[in-house]
Amino acid sequence: MKISFIGLGIMGSAMVRNLLKKGYTVQGWARHPDKLNSLVQAGLQLKDSLISAVADADIVFTMVGGPADVKELYFGENGILKHVKKGTILIDCTSSSPALAQEIFKAAELYGCEALDMPVSGGQKGAEAGTLSLFAGGKLETLEKVKPILKAVSATVTYEGPAGYGQHTKLVNQIMVAGQLAGMCEGFAYAIEKGLDLKAVLQSVSPGAARCASLDLYGEKILQGDKTPGGALRYLVKDLKNAYAELEGSGLDLAVSRQAMNCYATMEAEGHGDDGTQALTWFYREHRKKNS
């Protein structure tokens, strides 16, 4: 079973490492191969073009920035669909658009391939530990074919439904996470404002009702004043915009996540798009000072 992985950033590289640890043969391609020396030393077979990376693959994973990147990767002049062999299973792990996932699924069938949309949750920490949660859309029988391989990178794999449903579920996840993050960051902003001992605060709230995945992932980083990303905030902005596009015309207004997105979008516009989502803690304080 030959696996190709396209999109070797923080998340993709961590997933590849776990596939390699389990003994799978993995090849890939990247625009900046000089950044992948340690991954090559771990066993990645680095190809000199996208075409050579996917042409003989049995499974192709993709994990890139967003819908525009996915569309170009699959449908572009030298895109994946034109160069994979029949029977290849295409798995897009990008947080993208449900409509685009459906488009890829239909096109894959025309080329004699199978496709799954399978965005992930768990961030860098989950990717490195091999404990990601995977949301799968497409045909159940296709998912069953690749489940043994997915165990190398995940703790849970859930079949959500037809093509696009994996992406829909990821948007549900991001809507929930947006409110969770905002509450956590507001709580710490209040604690900082009142001069509380942040270590004591974290120790106090972690066992109680305030405990959540965001607190587990980012609580210690906030204590250290660390804005480095587990997931860059610009990706959350992108996902929430995708969610609101899906709801356009429905009349459903998700006010809390929309307000959180507006704050994050402001941060991105101010040049902080590559900060971690926990940086919202300092955004509240800085904007209070600017507007006071």
Protein backbone atom coordinates (compact mmCIF):
# COMPACT_ATOMS: atom_id res chain seq x y z
CA MET A 1 0.00 0.00 0.00
CA LYS A 2 1.69 3.19 -1.20
CA ILE A 3 0.61 6.42 0.48
CA SER A 4 1.16 9.92 -0.86
CA PHE A 5 0.79 12.96 1.41
CA ILE A 6 0.46 16.47 -0.03
CA GLY A 7 0.59 19.33 2.46
CA LEU A 8 3.54 18.84 4.78
CA GLY A 9 3.03 21.71 7.19
CA ILE A 10 2.74 21.39 10.97
CA MET A 11 -0.24 19.03 10.87
CA GLY A 12 0.65 17.07 7.75
CA SER A 13 4.24 16.46 8.84
CA ALA A 14 3.11 15.16 12.22
CA MET A 15 0.62 12.79 10.57
CA VAL A 16 3.30 11.53 8.20
CA ARG A 17 5.66 10.82 11.09
CA ASN A 18 3.02 8.64 12.72
CA LEU A 19 2.35 6.79 9.47
CA LEU A 20 6.08 6.15 9.10
CA LYS A 21 6.33 4.91 12.70
CA LYS A 22 3.68 2.31 11.90
CA GLY A 23 5.73 1.06 8.97
CA TYR A 24 3.81 2.57 6.06
CA THR A 25 5.59 3.70 2.91
CA VAL A 26 4.88 7.41 2.49
CA GLN A 27 5.92 9.70 -0.33
CA GLY A 28 5.20 13.38 -0.72
CA TRP A 29 5.91 16.64 -2.44
CA ALA A 30 6.36 20.16 -1.10
CA ARG A 31 7.07 23.58 -2.55
CA HIS A 32 9.83 24.09 0.05
CA PRO A 33 11.56 20.69 0.39
CA ASP A 34 14.50 22.22 2.27
CA LYS A 35 12.26 22.44 5.35
CA LEU A 36 11.63 18.69 5.38
CA ASN A 37 15.09 17.26 6.06
CA SER A 38 14.12 15.67 9.38
CA LEU A 39 11.03 14.11 7.80
CA VAL A 40 13.13 12.65 4.98
CA GLN A 41 15.53 11.24 7.58
CA ALA A 42 12.51 9.64 9.27
CA GLY A 43 11.67 7.83 6.02
CA LEU A 44 9.57 10.14 3.83
CA GLN A 45 10.24 9.61 0.12
CA LEU A 46 10.31 13.15 -1.23
CA LYS A 47 9.32 13.53 -4.90
CA ASP A 48 10.30 16.38 -7.21
CA SER A 49 6.77 17.14 -8.45
CA LEU A 50 3.14 16.78 -7.47
CA ILE A 51 2.56 14.51 -10.46
CA SER A 52 5.33 12.07 -9.52
CA ALA A 53 4.13 12.09 -5.91
CA VAL A 54 0.59 10.94 -6.75
CA ALA A 55 0.89 8.97 -10.02
CA ASP A 56 1.52 5.55 -8.45
CA ALA A 57 -0.14 6.10 -5.07
CA ASP A 58 -2.91 3.87 -3.73
CA ILE A 59 -4.02 6.54 -1.24
CA VAL A 60 -3.49 10.30 -1.50
CA PHE A 61 -3.89 12.45 1.59
CA THR A 62 -4.12 16.23 1.18
CA MET A 63 -3.94 18.82 3.94
CA VAL A 64 -3.49 22.39 2.74
CA GLY A 65 -4.60 25.89 3.70
CA GLY A 66 -8.21 26.21 2.56
CA PRO A 67 -10.79 25.75 -0.21
CA ALA A 68 -8.89 27.75 -2.84
CA ASP A 69 -5.76 25.63 -2.28
CA VAL A 70 -7.79 22.42 -2.39
CA LYS A 71 -9.52 23.40 -5.63
CA GLU A 72 -6.23 24.20 -7.34
CA LEU A 73 -4.63 21.02 -6.00
CA TYR A 74 -7.36 18.74 -7.34
CA PHE A 75 -8.61 20.57 -10.44
CA GLY A 76 -5.64 22.68 -11.55
CA GLU A 77 -3.67 22.29 -14.78
CA ASN A 78 -1.37 19.75 -13.13
CA GLY A 79 -3.90 18.72 -10.51
CA ILE A 80 -4.24 15.43 -8.69
CA LEU A 81 -7.32 14.15 -10.49
CA LYS A 82 -5.63 14.22 -13.88
CA HIS A 83 -2.66 12.16 -12.76
CA VAL A 84 -3.76 9.51 -10.26
CA LYS A 85 -4.39 5.95 -11.34
CA LYS A 86 -7.84 4.37 -11.32
CA GLY A 87 -8.83 2.99 -7.94
CA THR A 88 -6.86 5.57 -5.94
CA ILE A 89 -8.53 6.70 -2.73
CA LEU A 90 -8.35 10.47 -2.22
CA ILE A 91 -8.62 11.77 1.35
CA ASP A 92 -8.79 15.52 1.87
CA CYS A 93 -8.04 16.42 5.51
CA THR A 94 -8.15 20.18 4.88
CA SER A 95 -10.80 22.17 6.74
CA SER A 96 -12.59 23.21 3.59
CA SER A 97 -16.03 23.65 2.05
CA PRO A 98 -18.80 21.02 2.00
CA ALA A 99 -19.73 22.01 -1.57
CA LEU A 100 -16.13 21.56 -2.74
CA ALA A 101 -15.98 18.15 -1.03
CA GLN A 102 -19.04 17.09 -3.00
CA GLU A 103 -17.44 18.39 -6.20
CA ILE A 104 -14.27 16.37 -5.58
CA PHE A 105 -16.32 13.26 -4.78
CA LYS A 106 -18.23 13.46 -8.07
CA ALA A 107 -15.11 14.20 -10.11
CA ALA A 108 -13.22 11.33 -8.46
CA GLU A 109 -15.94 8.90 -9.53
CA LEU A 110 -15.62 10.10 -13.12
CA TYR A 111 -11.88 9.34 -12.98
CA GLY A 112 -12.50 5.89 -11.50
CA CYS A 113 -11.34 6.91 -8.02
CA GLU A 114 -12.91 7.19 -4.57
CA ALA A 115 -12.91 10.28 -2.35
CA LEU A 116 -13.44 11.08 1.31
CA ASP A 117 -13.61 14.48 2.94
CA MET A 118 -11.96 13.98 6.32
CA PRO A 119 -11.09 17.16 8.24
CA VAL A 120 -9.48 16.71 11.63
CA SER A 121 -9.67 18.09 15.14
CA GLY A 122 -7.04 17.98 17.86
CA GLY A 123 -4.51 20.55 16.69
CA GLN A 124 -0.75 20.15 16.60
CA LYS A 125 -0.72 18.30 19.91
CA GLY A 126 -3.18 15.69 18.64
CA ALA A 127 -1.38 15.36 15.32
CA GLU A 128 1.94 14.70 17.04
CA ALA A 129 0.43 12.23 19.50
CA GLY A 130 -1.58 10.41 16.83
CA THR A 131 -4.82 11.15 18.69
CA LEU A 132 -6.71 13.26 16.17
CA SER A 133 -10.46 13.04 15.75
CA LEU A 134 -11.39 12.47 12.09
CA PHE A 135 -14.75 13.42 10.54
CA ALA A 136 -15.42 11.35 7.42
CA GLY A 137 -17.78 12.13 4.55
CA GLY A 138 -18.24 9.95 1.46
CA LYS A 139 -19.07 6.28 1.05
CA LEU A 140 -18.91 4.11 4.16
CA GLU A 141 -17.34 1.26 2.19
CA THR A 142 -14.50 3.58 1.14
CA LEU A 143 -13.89 4.55 4.75
CA GLU A 144 -13.77 0.90 5.81
CA LYS A 145 -10.95 0.28 3.31
CA VAL A 146 -8.68 2.88 4.92
CA LYS A 147 -9.62 2.57 8.60
CA PRO A 148 -6.59 0.42 9.51
CA ILE A 149 -4.29 3.13 8.14
CA LEU A 150 -6.19 5.92 9.90
CA LYS A 151 -5.47 4.28 13.26
CA ALA A 152 -1.88 5.50 12.89
CA VAL A 153 -2.94 9.15 13.09
CA SER A 154 -6.16 9.19 15.10
CA ALA A 155 -7.94 8.19 18.28
CA THR A 156 -11.40 8.32 16.70
CA VAL A 157 -12.74 8.07 13.15
CA THR A 158 -16.44 8.81 12.72
CA TYR A 159 -18.52 8.30 9.60
CA GLU A 160 -20.67 11.43 9.29
CA GLY A 161 -22.58 10.65 6.09
CA PRO A 162 -22.35 11.40 2.34
CA ALA A 163 -19.72 13.59 0.69
CA GLY A 164 -19.51 16.99 2.38
CA TYR A 165 -20.76 15.79 5.76
CA GLY A 166 -17.21 15.52 7.12
CA GLN A 167 -16.73 19.19 6.32
CA HIS A 168 -20.12 20.09 7.80
CA THR A 169 -19.14 18.35 11.04
CA LYS A 170 -15.81 20.20 11.15
CA LEU A 171 -17.72 23.47 10.87
CA VAL A 172 -19.89 22.38 13.81
CA ASN A 173 -16.66 21.71 15.70
CA GLN A 174 -15.26 25.15 14.87
CA ILE A 175 -18.46 26.96 15.87
CA MET A 176 -18.32 25.21 19.23
CA VAL A 177 -14.60 25.89 19.62
CA ALA A 178 -15.02 29.60 18.85
CA GLY A 179 -17.35 30.13 21.80
CA GLN A 180 -15.21 27.95 24.03
CA LEU A 181 -12.05 29.86 23.16
CA ALA A 182 -13.69 33.24 23.63
CA GLY A 183 -14.97 32.29 27.10
CA MET A 184 -11.58 30.97 28.17
CA CYS A 185 -9.70 34.02 26.89
CA GLU A 186 -12.18 36.43 28.46
CA GLY A 187 -11.80 34.65 31.78
CA PHE A 188 -8.02 34.99 31.69
CA ALA A 189 -8.29 38.62 30.55
CA TYR A 190 -10.42 39.31 33.63
CA ALA A 191 -7.93 37.46 35.86
CA ILE A 192 -5.02 39.49 34.48
CA GLU A 193 -6.98 42.73 34.89
CA LYS A 194 -7.64 41.99 38.56
CA GLY A 195 -4.07 40.90 39.26
CA LEU A 196 -4.91 37.31 40.12
CA ASP A 197 -2.31 34.57 40.29
CA LEU A 198 -2.86 32.92 36.90
CA LYS A 199 -1.28 29.66 37.98
CA ALA A 200 -3.67 29.46 40.91
CA VAL A 201 -6.60 30.36 38.65
CA LEU A 202 -5.75 27.61 36.18
CA GLN A 203 -5.30 25.11 39.00
CA SER A 204 -8.67 26.14 40.43
CA VAL A 205 -10.82 26.09 37.30
CA SER A 206 -9.28 23.11 35.49
CA PRO A 207 -11.05 20.39 37.55
CA GLY A 208 -14.43 22.15 37.49
CA ALA A 209 -17.15 23.10 35.02
CA ALA A 210 -14.82 25.46 33.11
CA ARG A 211 -12.61 22.62 31.97
CA CYS A 212 -12.58 22.19 28.19
CA ALA A 213 -10.23 21.15 25.40
CA SER A 214 -9.17 24.77 24.84
CA LEU A 215 -8.17 25.12 28.50
CA ASP A 216 -6.21 21.87 28.38
CA LEU A 217 -4.41 22.92 25.19
CA TYR A 218 -3.78 26.60 25.87
CA GLY A 219 -4.06 27.28 29.59
CA GLU A 220 -0.35 26.80 30.26
CA LYS A 221 0.56 28.85 27.19
CA ILE A 222 -1.50 31.77 28.48
CA LEU A 223 0.30 31.53 31.83
CA GLN A 224 3.60 31.87 29.98
CA GLY A 225 2.41 34.71 27.73
CA ASP A 226 2.97 32.38 24.79
CA LYS A 227 1.10 33.30 21.60
CA THR A 228 2.63 30.61 19.39
CA PRO A 229 0.00 28.54 17.60
CA GLY A 230 -1.25 25.04 18.05
CA GLY A 231 -3.51 26.23 15.27
CA ALA A 232 -3.10 29.69 13.71
CA LEU A 233 -6.11 31.93 14.31
CA ARG A 234 -6.43 32.75 10.59
CA TYR A 235 -7.55 29.17 9.99
CA LEU A 236 -10.36 29.55 12.53
CA VAL A 237 -11.45 32.76 10.77
CA LYS A 238 -11.48 30.87 7.46
CA ASP A 239 -13.54 28.02 8.89
CA LEU A 240 -16.10 30.29 10.52
CA LYS A 241 -16.51 32.26 7.31
CA ASN A 242 -17.17 28.96 5.54
CA ALA A 243 -19.81 28.12 8.16
CA TYR A 244 -21.61 31.44 7.74
CA ALA A 245 -21.51 31.03 3.95
CA GLU A 246 -23.29 27.70 4.40
CA LEU A 247 -25.98 29.43 6.49
CA GLU A 248 -26.51 32.33 4.11
CA GLY A 249 -30.22 32.87 3.49
CA SER A 250 -31.28 30.54 6.32
CA GLY A 251 -32.05 33.29 8.82
CA LEU A 252 -30.03 31.47 11.49
CA ASP A 253 -27.65 33.87 13.26
CA LEU A 254 -24.95 32.33 15.44
CA ALA A 255 -24.25 35.49 17.40
CA VAL A 256 -21.63 34.24 19.88
CA SER A 257 -19.34 32.55 17.35
CA ARG A 258 -19.83 35.46 14.95
CA GLN A 259 -18.62 37.93 17.59
CA ALA A 260 -15.63 35.71 18.33
CA MET A 261 -14.86 35.53 14.61
CA ASN A 262 -15.06 39.32 14.31
CA CYS A 263 -12.43 39.66 17.04
CA TYR A 264 -10.19 37.10 15.38
CA ALA A 265 -10.70 38.71 11.98
CA THR A 266 -9.60 42.05 13.45
CA MET A 267 -6.49 40.37 14.84
CA GLU A 268 -5.75 38.88 11.42
CA ALA A 269 -6.22 42.28 9.75
CA GLU A 270 -3.77 43.78 12.26
CA GLY A 271 -1.10 41.27 11.21
CA HIS A 272 -1.58 38.60 13.88
CA GLY A 273 -3.11 35.86 11.74
CA ASP A 274 -0.30 33.42 12.53
CA ASP A 275 -0.72 33.81 16.31
CA GLY A 276 -2.40 31.03 18.24
CA THR A 277 -6.08 31.34 19.07
CA GLN A 278 -5.19 31.88 22.75
CA ALA A 279 -3.79 35.31 21.77
CA LEU A 280 -7.37 36.60 22.02
CA THR A 281 -6.62 37.00 25.76
CA TRP A 282 -4.31 39.93 25.03
CA PHE A 283 -6.46 41.30 22.21
CA TYR A 284 -9.18 42.20 24.72
CA ARG A 285 -6.72 44.09 26.91
CA GLU A 286 -4.95 45.86 24.07
CA HIS A 287 -8.18 47.02 22.48
CA ARG A 288 -9.52 48.21 25.81
CA LYS A 289 -6.47 50.47 26.07
CA LYS A 290 -6.80 51.69 22.49
CA ASN A 291 -10.45 52.57 22.94
CA SER A 292 -10.36 53.93 26.49
